[in-house]
Amino acid sequence: TGKIKCYEGKLNASGLRFAIVCARFNDIFVSQLLGGAVDCLLR
């Protein structure tokens, strides 16, 4: 109904700032995770 307030985030990263912390140990996998994260943010 119109009386219930619902908070829900949209997938719009425009104007937002992100820090990504990456562990170097197992970096062959972490680099893939980083690539996925950056690609998602840019998209």
All heavy atoms as atom14 arrays in JSON, in Angstrom:
{
  "sequence": "TGKIKCYEGKLNASGLRFAIVCARFNDIFVSQLLGGAVDCLLR",
  "atom14_mask": [
    [1, 1, 1, 1, 1, 1, 1, 0, 0, 0, 0, 0, 0, 0],
    [1, 1, 1, 1, 0, 0, 0, 0, 0, 0, 0, 0, 0, 0],
    [1, 1, 1, 1, 1, 1, 1, 1, 1, 0, 0, 0, 0, 0],
    [1, 1, 1, 1, 1, 1, 1, 1, 0, 0, 0, 0, 0, 0],
    [1, 1, 1, 1, 1, 1, 1, 1, 1, 0, 0, 0, 0, 0],
    [1, 1, 1, 1, 1, 1, 0, 0, 0, 0, 0, 0, 0, 0],
    [1, 1, 1, 1, 1, 1, 1, 1, 1, 1, 1, 1, 0, 0],
    [1, 1, 1, 1, 1, 1, 1, 1, 1, 0, 0, 0, 0, 0],
    [1, 1, 1, 1, 0, 0, 0, 0, 0, 0, 0, 0, 0, 0],
    [1, 1, 1, 1, 1, 1, 1, 1, 1, 0, 0, 0, 0, 0],
    [1, 1, 1, 1, 1, 1, 1, 1, 0, 0, 0, 0, 0, 0],
    [1, 1, 1, 1, 1, 1, 1, 1, 0, 0, 0, 0, 0, 0],
    [1, 1, 1, 1, 1, 0, 0, 0, 0, 0, 0, 0, 0, 0],
    [1, 1, 1, 1, 1, 1, 0, 0, 0, 0, 0, 0, 0, 0],
    [1, 1, 1, 1, 0, 0, 0, 0, 0, 0, 0, 0, 0, 0],
    [1, 1, 1, 1, 1, 1, 1, 1, 0, 0, 0, 0, 0, 0],
    [1, 1, 1, 1, 1, 1, 1, 1, 1, 1, 1, 0, 0, 0],
    [1, 1, 1, 1, 1, 1, 1, 1, 1, 1, 1, 0, 0, 0],
    [1, 1, 1, 1, 1, 0, 0, 0, 0, 0, 0, 0, 0, 0],
    [1, 1, 1, 1, 1, 1, 1, 1, 0, 0, 0, 0, 0, 0],
    [1, 1, 1, 1, 1, 1, 1, 0, 0, 0, 0, 0, 0, 0],
    [1, 1, 1, 1, 1, 1, 0, 0, 0, 0, 0, 0, 0, 0],
    [1, 1, 1, 1, 1, 0, 0, 0, 0, 0, 0, 0, 0, 0],
    [1, 1, 1, 1, 1, 1, 1, 1, 1, 1, 1, 0, 0, 0],
    [1, 1, 1, 1, 1, 1, 1, 1, 1, 1, 1, 0, 0, 0],
    [1, 1, 1, 1, 1, 1, 1, 1, 0, 0, 0, 0, 0, 0],
    [1, 1, 1, 1, 1, 1, 1, 1, 0, 0, 0, 0, 0, 0],
    [1, 1, 1, 1, 1, 1, 1, 1, 0, 0, 0, 0, 0, 0],
    [1, 1, 1, 1, 1, 1, 1, 1, 1, 1, 1, 0, 0, 0],
    [1, 1, 1, 1, 1, 1, 1, 0, 0, 0, 0, 0, 0, 0],
    [1, 1, 1, 1, 1, 1, 0, 0, 0, 0, 0, 0, 0, 0],
    [1, 1, 1, 1, 1, 1, 1, 1, 1, 0, 0, 0, 0, 0],
    [1, 1, 1, 1, 1, 1, 1, 1, 0, 0, 0, 0, 0, 0],
    [1, 1, 1, 1, 1, 1, 1, 1, 0, 0, 0, 0, 0, 0],
    [1, 1, 1, 1, 0, 0, 0, 0, 0, 0, 0, 0, 0, 0],
    [1, 1, 1, 1, 0, 0, 0, 0, 0, 0, 0, 0, 0, 0],
    [1, 1, 1, 1, 1, 0, 0, 0, 0, 0, 0, 0, 0, 0],
    [1, 1, 1, 1, 1, 1, 1, 0, 0, 0, 0, 0, 0, 0],
    [1, 1, 1, 1, 1, 1, 1, 1, 0, 0, 0, 0, 0, 0],
    [1, 1, 1, 1, 1, 1, 0, 0, 0, 0, 0, 0, 0, 0],
    [1, 1, 1, 1, 1, 1, 1, 1, 0, 0, 0, 0, 0, 0],
    [1, 1, 1, 1, 1, 1, 1, 1, 0, 0, 0, 0, 0, 0],
    [1, 1, 1, 1, 1, 1, 1, 1, 1, 1, 1, 0, 0, 0]
  ],
  "atom14_positions": [
    [[0.84, -1.19, 0.0], [0.0, 0.0, 0.0], [0.87, 1.24, 0.0], [2.07, 1.18, 0.27], [-0.92, 0.02, 1.24], [-0.11, 0.21, 2.4], [-1.72, -1.25, 1.34], [0.0, 0.0, 0.0], [0.0, 0.0, 0.0], [0.0, 0.0, 0.0], [0.0, 0.0, 0.0], [0.0, 0.0, 0.0], [0.0, 0.0, 0.0], [0.0, 0.0, 0.0]],
    [[0.28, 2.36, -0.23], [1.0, 3.62, -0.28], [1.49, 4.09, 1.08], [2.23, 5.05, 1.16], [0.0, 0.0, 0.0], [0.0, 0.0, 0.0], [0.0, 0.0, 0.0], [0.0, 0.0, 0.0], [0.0, 0.0, 0.0], [0.0, 0.0, 0.0], [0.0, 0.0, 0.0], [0.0, 0.0, 0.0], [0.0, 0.0, 0.0], [0.0, 0.0, 0.0]],
    [[1.07, 3.46, 2.16], [1.44, 3.91, 3.51], [2.74, 3.27, 4.01], [3.32, 3.75, 4.97], [0.32, 3.61, 4.49], [-0.94, 4.41, 4.18], [-2.01, 4.15, 5.2], [-3.24, 4.95, 4.83], [-4.26, 4.88, 5.87], [0.0, 0.0, 0.0], [0.0, 0.0, 0.0], [0.0, 0.0, 0.0], [0.0, 0.0, 0.0], [0.0, 0.0, 0.0]],
    [[3.18, 2.21, 3.39], [4.39, 1.53, 3.84], [5.59, 2.11, 3.11], [5.62, 2.15, 1.89], [4.3, 0.01, 3.59], [3.15, -0.59, 4.39], [5.62, -0.66, 3.94], [2.89, -2.05, 4.08], [0.0, 0.0, 0.0], [0.0, 0.0, 0.0], [0.0, 0.0, 0.0], [0.0, 0.0, 0.0], [0.0, 0.0, 0.0], [0.0, 0.0, 0.0]],
    [[6.56, 2.58, 3.87], [7.78, 3.13, 3.28], [8.77, 2.0, 3.06], [9.05, 1.23, 3.97], [8.38, 4.19, 4.21], [9.63, 4.83, 3.69], [9.36, 5.69, 2.49], [10.64, 6.38, 2.05], [10.53, 6.99, 0.76], [0.0, 0.0, 0.0], [0.0, 0.0, 0.0], [0.0, 0.0, 0.0], [0.0, 0.0, 0.0], [0.0, 0.0, 0.0]],
    [[9.26, 1.89, 1.86], [10.22, 0.84, 1.52], [11.51, 1.48, 1.04], [11.52, 2.29, 0.13], [9.63, -0.05, 0.41], [10.73, -1.38, -0.09], [0.0, 0.0, 0.0], [0.0, 0.0, 0.0], [0.0, 0.0, 0.0], [0.0, 0.0, 0.0], [0.0, 0.0, 0.0], [0.0, 0.0, 0.0], [0.0, 0.0, 0.0], [0.0, 0.0, 0.0]],
    [[12.62, 1.11, 1.67], [13.93, 1.6, 1.29], [14.63, 0.51, 0.49], [14.77, -0.62, 0.95], [14.76, 1.94, 2.52], [14.13, 2.99, 3.4], [13.49, 2.65, 4.57], [14.17, 4.33, 3.02], [12.9, 3.61, 5.37], [13.58, 5.3, 3.82], [12.96, 4.94, 4.99], [12.38, 5.89, 5.78], [0.0, 0.0, 0.0], [0.0, 0.0, 0.0]],
    [[15.05, 0.87, -0.69], [15.71, -0.12, -1.55], [16.74, 0.61, -2.41], [16.43, 1.62, -3.04], [14.67, -0.8, -2.43], [15.23, -1.93, -3.26], [14.16, -2.69, -4.02], [12.99, -2.24, -4.03], [14.5, -3.7, -4.61], [0.0, 0.0, 0.0], [0.0, 0.0, 0.0], [0.0, 0.0, 0.0], [0.0, 0.0, 0.0], [0.0, 0.0, 0.0]],
    [[17.96, 0.07, -2.42], [19.02, 0.69, -3.18], [18.94, 0.38, -4.66], [18.57, -0.71, -5.06], [0.0, 0.0, 0.0], [0.0, 0.0, 0.0], [0.0, 0.0, 0.0], [0.0, 0.0, 0.0], [0.0, 0.0, 0.0], [0.0, 0.0, 0.0], [0.0, 0.0, 0.0], [0.0, 0.0, 0.0], [0.0, 0.0, 0.0], [0.0, 0.0, 0.0]],
    [[19.28, 1.37, -5.45], [19.33, 1.21, -6.9], [20.76, 0.89, -7.31], [21.71, 1.24, -6.63], [18.86, 2.48, -7.6], [17.47, 2.93, -7.19], [16.4, 1.94, -7.58], [15.03, 2.45, -7.22], [14.18, 1.48, -6.61], [0.0, 0.0, 0.0], [0.0, 0.0, 0.0], [0.0, 0.0, 0.0], [0.0, 0.0, 0.0], [0.0, 0.0, 0.0]],
    [[20.92, 0.27, -8.44], [22.25, -0.07, -8.95], [22.76, 1.05, -9.85], [22.9, 0.89, -11.06], [22.22, -1.41, -9.68], [22.03, -2.61, -8.77], [21.94, -3.89, -9.57], [23.18, -2.7, -7.77], [0.0, 0.0, 0.0], [0.0, 0.0, 0.0], [0.0, 0.0, 0.0], [0.0, 0.0, 0.0], [0.0, 0.0, 0.0], [0.0, 0.0, 0.0]],
    [[23.04, 2.2, -9.23], [23.57, 3.35, -9.94], [24.79, 3.84, -9.17], [24.66, 4.39, -8.08], [22.51, 4.44, -10.05], [23.02, 5.66, -10.77], [24.16, 5.71, -11.23], [22.19, 6.69, -10.86], [0.0, 0.0, 0.0], [0.0, 0.0, 0.0], [0.0, 0.0, 0.0], [0.0, 0.0, 0.0], [0.0, 0.0, 0.0], [0.0, 0.0, 0.0]],
    [[25.97, 3.64, -9.73], [27.21, 4.03, -9.06], [27.71, 5.4, -9.48], [28.76, 5.85, -9.03], [28.29, 2.99, -9.32], [0.0, 0.0, 0.0], [0.0, 0.0, 0.0], [0.0, 0.0, 0.0], [0.0, 0.0, 0.0], [0.0, 0.0, 0.0], [0.0, 0.0, 0.0], [0.0, 0.0, 0.0], [0.0, 0.0, 0.0], [0.0, 0.0, 0.0]],
    [[26.95, 6.08, -10.32], [27.35, 7.4, -10.8], [27.51, 8.38, -9.65], [26.61, 8.52, -8.81], [26.31, 7.91, -11.8], [26.69, 9.17, -12.29], [0.0, 0.0, 0.0], [0.0, 0.0, 0.0], [0.0, 0.0, 0.0], [0.0, 0.0, 0.0], [0.0, 0.0, 0.0], [0.0, 0.0, 0.0], [0.0, 0.0, 0.0], [0.0, 0.0, 0.0]],
    [[28.65, 9.02, -9.58], [28.91, 10.01, -8.54], [29.35, 9.42, -7.2], [29.61, 10.17, -6.27], [0.0, 0.0, 0.0], [0.0, 0.0, 0.0], [0.0, 0.0, 0.0], [0.0, 0.0, 0.0], [0.0, 0.0, 0.0], [0.0, 0.0, 0.0], [0.0, 0.0, 0.0], [0.0, 0.0, 0.0], [0.0, 0.0, 0.0], [0.0, 0.0, 0.0]],
    [[29.43, 8.1, -7.11], [29.84, 7.46, -5.86], [31.34, 7.15, -5.9], [31.91, 6.94, -6.96], [29.04, 6.17, -5.63], [27.53, 6.34, -5.56], [26.86, 4.97, -5.36], [27.13, 7.3, -4.45], [0.0, 0.0, 0.0], [0.0, 0.0, 0.0], [0.0, 0.0, 0.0], [0.0, 0.0, 0.0], [0.0, 0.0, 0.0], [0.0, 0.0, 0.0]],
    [[31.94, 7.11, -4.72], [33.37, 6.83, -4.6], [33.57, 5.53, -3.82], [32.97, 5.34, -2.77], [34.07, 7.98, -3.9], [33.97, 9.29, -4.7], [34.27, 10.49, -3.86], [33.27, 10.52, -2.79], [33.47, 11.08, -1.6], [34.6, 11.66, -1.32], [32.53, 11.08, -0.69], [0.0, 0.0, 0.0], [0.0, 0.0, 0.0], [0.0, 0.0, 0.0]],
    [[34.44, 4.68, -4.34], [34.66, 3.36, -3.76], [36.14, 3.11, -3.49], [36.98, 3.45, -4.32], [34.15, 2.26, -4.71], [32.7, 2.36, -5.01], [32.24, 3.08, -6.1], [31.76, 1.75, -4.18], [30.89, 3.19, -6.39], [30.4, 1.85, -4.45], [29.97, 2.58, -5.56], [0.0, 0.0, 0.0], [0.0, 0.0, 0.0], [0.0, 0.0, 0.0]],
    [[36.41, 2.5, -2.35], [37.73, 1.98, -2.06], [37.63, 0.46, -2.12], [36.63, -0.11, -1.68], [38.22, 2.42, -0.69], [0.0, 0.0, 0.0], [0.0, 0.0, 0.0], [0.0, 0.0, 0.0], [0.0, 0.0, 0.0], [0.0, 0.0, 0.0], [0.0, 0.0, 0.0], [0.0, 0.0, 0.0], [0.0, 0.0, 0.0], [0.0, 0.0, 0.0]],
    [[38.65, -0.17, -2.66], [38.69, -1.64, -2.71], [39.98, -2.07, -2.05], [41.06, -1.66, -2.45], [38.63, -2.16, -4.16], [37.41, -1.61, -4.9], [38.63, -3.68, -4.16], [37.36, -1.96, -6.38], [0.0, 0.0, 0.0], [0.0, 0.0, 0.0], [0.0, 0.0, 0.0], [0.0, 0.0, 0.0], [0.0, 0.0, 0.0], [0.0, 0.0, 0.0]],
    [[39.86, -2.89, -1.01], [41.02, -3.45, -0.33], [41.21, -4.88, -0.82], [40.27, -5.68, -0.77], [40.85, -3.44, 1.21], [42.1, -3.99, 1.89], [40.52, -2.05, 1.71], [0.0, 0.0, 0.0], [0.0, 0.0, 0.0], [0.0, 0.0, 0.0], [0.0, 0.0, 0.0], [0.0, 0.0, 0.0], [0.0, 0.0, 0.0], [0.0, 0.0, 0.0]],
    [[42.4, -5.18, -1.3], [42.7, -6.5, -1.86], [43.86, -7.15, -1.12], [44.89, -6.52, -0.89], [43.1, -6.38, -3.33], [41.82, -5.72, -4.39], [0.0, 0.0, 0.0], [0.0, 0.0, 0.0], [0.0, 0.0, 0.0], [0.0, 0.0, 0.0], [0.0, 0.0, 0.0], [0.0, 0.0, 0.0], [0.0, 0.0, 0.0], [0.0, 0.0, 0.0]],
    [[43.69, -8.42, -0.78], [44.76, -9.19, -0.17], [45.68, -9.75, -1.26], [45.2, -10.31, -2.24], [44.18, -10.34, 0.65], [0.0, 0.0, 0.0], [0.0, 0.0, 0.0], [0.0, 0.0, 0.0], [0.0, 0.0, 0.0], [0.0, 0.0, 0.0], [0.0, 0.0, 0.0], [0.0, 0.0, 0.0], [0.0, 0.0, 0.0], [0.0, 0.0, 0.0]],
    [[46.97, -9.55, -1.1], [47.93, -10.04, -2.08], [48.1, -11.57, -2.02], [48.4, -12.21, -3.02], [49.27, -9.35, -1.87], [50.2, -9.49, -3.05], [51.47, -8.67, -2.91], [51.21, -7.24, -2.79], [51.41, -6.53, -1.69], [51.9, -7.1, -0.61], [51.15, -5.25, -1.65], [0.0, 0.0, 0.0], [0.0, 0.0, 0.0], [0.0, 0.0, 0.0]],
    [[47.9, -12.15, -0.83], [48.01, -13.6, -0.7], [46.91, -14.24, -1.55], [45.77, -13.83, -1.51], [47.87, -14.01, 0.77], [48.35, -15.4, 1.05], [49.7, -15.65, 1.21], [47.46, -16.44, 1.15], [50.15, -16.94, 1.47], [47.89, -17.73, 1.41], [49.25, -17.98, 1.57], [0.0, 0.0, 0.0], [0.0, 0.0, 0.0], [0.0, 0.0, 0.0]],
    [[47.25, -15.23, -2.33], [46.34, -15.85, -3.31], [45.92, -14.84, -4.38], [44.79, -14.85, -4.86], [45.1, -16.46, -2.64], [45.43, -17.7, -1.85], [46.24, -18.52, -2.27], [44.8, -17.84, -0.7], [0.0, 0.0, 0.0], [0.0, 0.0, 0.0], [0.0, 0.0, 0.0], [0.0, 0.0, 0.0], [0.0, 0.0, 0.0], [0.0, 0.0, 0.0]],
    [[46.86, -13.97, -4.76], [46.52, -12.89, -5.68], [46.1, -13.35, -7.07], [45.44, -12.61, -7.79], [47.65, -11.86, -5.77], [48.88, -12.37, -6.49], [49.09, -13.59, -6.54], [49.64, -11.52, -6.99], [0.0, 0.0, 0.0], [0.0, 0.0, 0.0], [0.0, 0.0, 0.0], [0.0, 0.0, 0.0], [0.0, 0.0, 0.0], [0.0, 0.0, 0.0]],
    [[46.41, -14.56, -7.45], [45.93, -15.05, -8.73], [44.4, -15.08, -8.75], [43.78, -14.79, -9.78], [46.53, -16.44, -9.08], [46.2, -16.81, -10.52], [46.02, -17.5, -8.12], [46.99, -18.01, -11.03], [0.0, 0.0, 0.0], [0.0, 0.0, 0.0], [0.0, 0.0, 0.0], [0.0, 0.0, 0.0], [0.0, 0.0, 0.0], [0.0, 0.0, 0.0]],
    [[43.8, -15.36, -7.61], [42.35, -15.34, -7.49], [41.82, -13.94, -7.15], [40.81, -13.51, -7.68], [41.87, -16.34, -6.43], [42.35, -17.74, -6.67], [43.22, -18.35, -5.79], [41.95, -18.44, -7.8], [43.67, -19.64, -6.02], [42.4, -19.73, -8.04], [43.26, -20.33, -7.15], [0.0, 0.0, 0.0], [0.0, 0.0, 0.0], [0.0, 0.0, 0.0]],
    [[42.53, -13.26, -6.27], [42.09, -11.93, -5.85], [42.09, -10.97, -7.03], [41.2, -10.12, -7.15], [42.96, -11.4, -4.68], [42.54, -9.99, -4.29], [42.87, -12.34, -3.48], [0.0, 0.0, 0.0], [0.0, 0.0, 0.0], [0.0, 0.0, 0.0], [0.0, 0.0, 0.0], [0.0, 0.0, 0.0], [0.0, 0.0, 0.0], [0.0, 0.0, 0.0]],
    [[43.04, -11.09, -7.92], [43.06, -10.24, -9.12], [41.8, -10.44, -9.96], [41.27, -9.48, -10.53], [44.3, -10.53, -9.96], [45.46, -10.15, -9.26], [0.0, 0.0, 0.0], [0.0, 0.0, 0.0], [0.0, 0.0, 0.0], [0.0, 0.0, 0.0], [0.0, 0.0, 0.0], [0.0, 0.0, 0.0], [0.0, 0.0, 0.0], [0.0, 0.0, 0.0]],
    [[41.32, -11.67, -10.02], [40.07, -11.94, -10.73], [38.88, -11.3, -10.01], [37.97, -10.76, -10.66], [39.84, -13.45, -10.87], [40.87, -14.15, -11.72], [40.84, -13.66, -13.16], [39.8, -13.53, -13.76], [42.02, -13.35, -13.69], [0.0, 0.0, 0.0], [0.0, 0.0, 0.0], [0.0, 0.0, 0.0], [0.0, 0.0, 0.0], [0.0, 0.0, 0.0]],
    [[38.88, -11.37, -8.69], [37.82, -10.71, -7.91], [37.85, -9.2, -8.13], [36.8, -8.57, -8.32], [37.98, -11.02, -6.42], [37.87, -12.48, -5.99], [38.15, -12.6, -4.5], [36.53, -13.07, -6.35], [0.0, 0.0, 0.0], [0.0, 0.0, 0.0], [0.0, 0.0, 0.0], [0.0, 0.0, 0.0], [0.0, 0.0, 0.0], [0.0, 0.0, 0.0]],
    [[39.04, -8.64, -8.11], [39.2, -7.2, -8.33], [38.69, -6.81, -9.72], [37.97, -5.82, -9.87], [40.66, -6.8, -8.17], [41.0, -5.34, -8.5], [40.21, -4.38, -7.61], [42.5, -5.12, -8.37], [0.0, 0.0, 0.0], [0.0, 0.0, 0.0], [0.0, 0.0, 0.0], [0.0, 0.0, 0.0], [0.0, 0.0, 0.0], [0.0, 0.0, 0.0]],
    [[39.05, -7.6, -10.73], [38.57, -7.31, -12.08], [37.05, -7.33, -12.15], [36.44, -6.47, -12.78], [0.0, 0.0, 0.0], [0.0, 0.0, 0.0], [0.0, 0.0, 0.0], [0.0, 0.0, 0.0], [0.0, 0.0, 0.0], [0.0, 0.0, 0.0], [0.0, 0.0, 0.0], [0.0, 0.0, 0.0], [0.0, 0.0, 0.0], [0.0, 0.0, 0.0]],
    [[36.44, -8.29, -11.48], [34.98, -8.36, -11.45], [34.36, -7.17, -10.74], [33.34, -6.63, -11.18], [0.0, 0.0, 0.0], [0.0, 0.0, 0.0], [0.0, 0.0, 0.0], [0.0, 0.0, 0.0], [0.0, 0.0, 0.0], [0.0, 0.0, 0.0], [0.0, 0.0, 0.0], [0.0, 0.0, 0.0], [0.0, 0.0, 0.0], [0.0, 0.0, 0.0]],
    [[34.98, -6.75, -9.64], [34.45, -5.61, -8.88], [34.55, -4.32, -9.68], [33.57, -3.57, -9.79], [35.2, -5.48, -7.55], [0.0, 0.0, 0.0], [0.0, 0.0, 0.0], [0.0, 0.0, 0.0], [0.0, 0.0, 0.0], [0.0, 0.0, 0.0], [0.0, 0.0, 0.0], [0.0, 0.0, 0.0], [0.0, 0.0, 0.0], [0.0, 0.0, 0.0]],
    [[35.71, -4.07, -10.25], [35.9, -2.83, -11.03], [34.98, -2.82, -12.24], [34.33, -1.81, -12.53], [37.38, -2.67, -11.44], [37.55, -1.54, -12.45], [38.25, -2.42, -10.21], [0.0, 0.0, 0.0], [0.0, 0.0, 0.0], [0.0, 0.0, 0.0], [0.0, 0.0, 0.0], [0.0, 0.0, 0.0], [0.0, 0.0, 0.0], [0.0, 0.0, 0.0]],
    [[34.88, -3.94, -12.94], [33.99, -4.02, -14.1], [32.55, -3.71, -13.69], [31.85, -2.95, -14.36], [34.08, -5.41, -14.73], [33.16, -5.55, -15.93], [33.38, -4.85, -16.94], [32.22, -6.37, -15.86], [0.0, 0.0, 0.0], [0.0, 0.0, 0.0], [0.0, 0.0, 0.0], [0.0, 0.0, 0.0], [0.0, 0.0, 0.0], [0.0, 0.0, 0.0]],
    [[32.11, -4.26, -12.58], [30.75, -4.03, -12.1], [30.53, -2.54, -11.78], [29.51, -1.96, -12.17], [30.48, -4.88, -10.86], [28.86, -4.61, -10.12], [0.0, 0.0, 0.0], [0.0, 0.0, 0.0], [0.0, 0.0, 0.0], [0.0, 0.0, 0.0], [0.0, 0.0, 0.0], [0.0, 0.0, 0.0], [0.0, 0.0, 0.0], [0.0, 0.0, 0.0]],
    [[31.47, -1.94, -11.07], [31.33, -0.52, -10.71], [31.25, 0.35, -11.96], [30.4, 1.24, -12.06], [32.5, -0.08, -9.82], [32.58, -0.73, -8.44], [33.88, -0.34, -7.74], [31.37, -0.39, -7.59], [0.0, 0.0, 0.0], [0.0, 0.0, 0.0], [0.0, 0.0, 0.0], [0.0, 0.0, 0.0], [0.0, 0.0, 0.0], [0.0, 0.0, 0.0]],
    [[32.13, 0.09, -12.92], [32.15, 0.88, -14.15], [30.87, 0.68, -14.96], [30.31, 1.63, -15.51], [33.38, 0.54, -14.99], [34.73, 0.9, -14.36], [35.88, 0.4, -15.24], [34.85, 2.4, -14.11], [0.0, 0.0, 0.0], [0.0, 0.0, 0.0], [0.0, 0.0, 0.0], [0.0, 0.0, 0.0], [0.0, 0.0, 0.0], [0.0, 0.0, 0.0]],
    [[30.4, -0.55, -15.04], [29.17, -0.84, -15.79], [27.95, -0.15, -15.18], [26.97, 0.11, -15.88], [28.91, -2.34, -15.84], [29.8, -3.09, -16.79], [29.5, -4.59, -16.72], [30.41, -5.34, -17.52], [30.13, -5.78, -18.75], [28.96, -5.53, -19.28], [31.03, -6.47, -19.43], [0.0, 0.0, 0.0], [0.0, 0.0, 0.0], [0.0, 0.0, 0.0]]
  ]
}
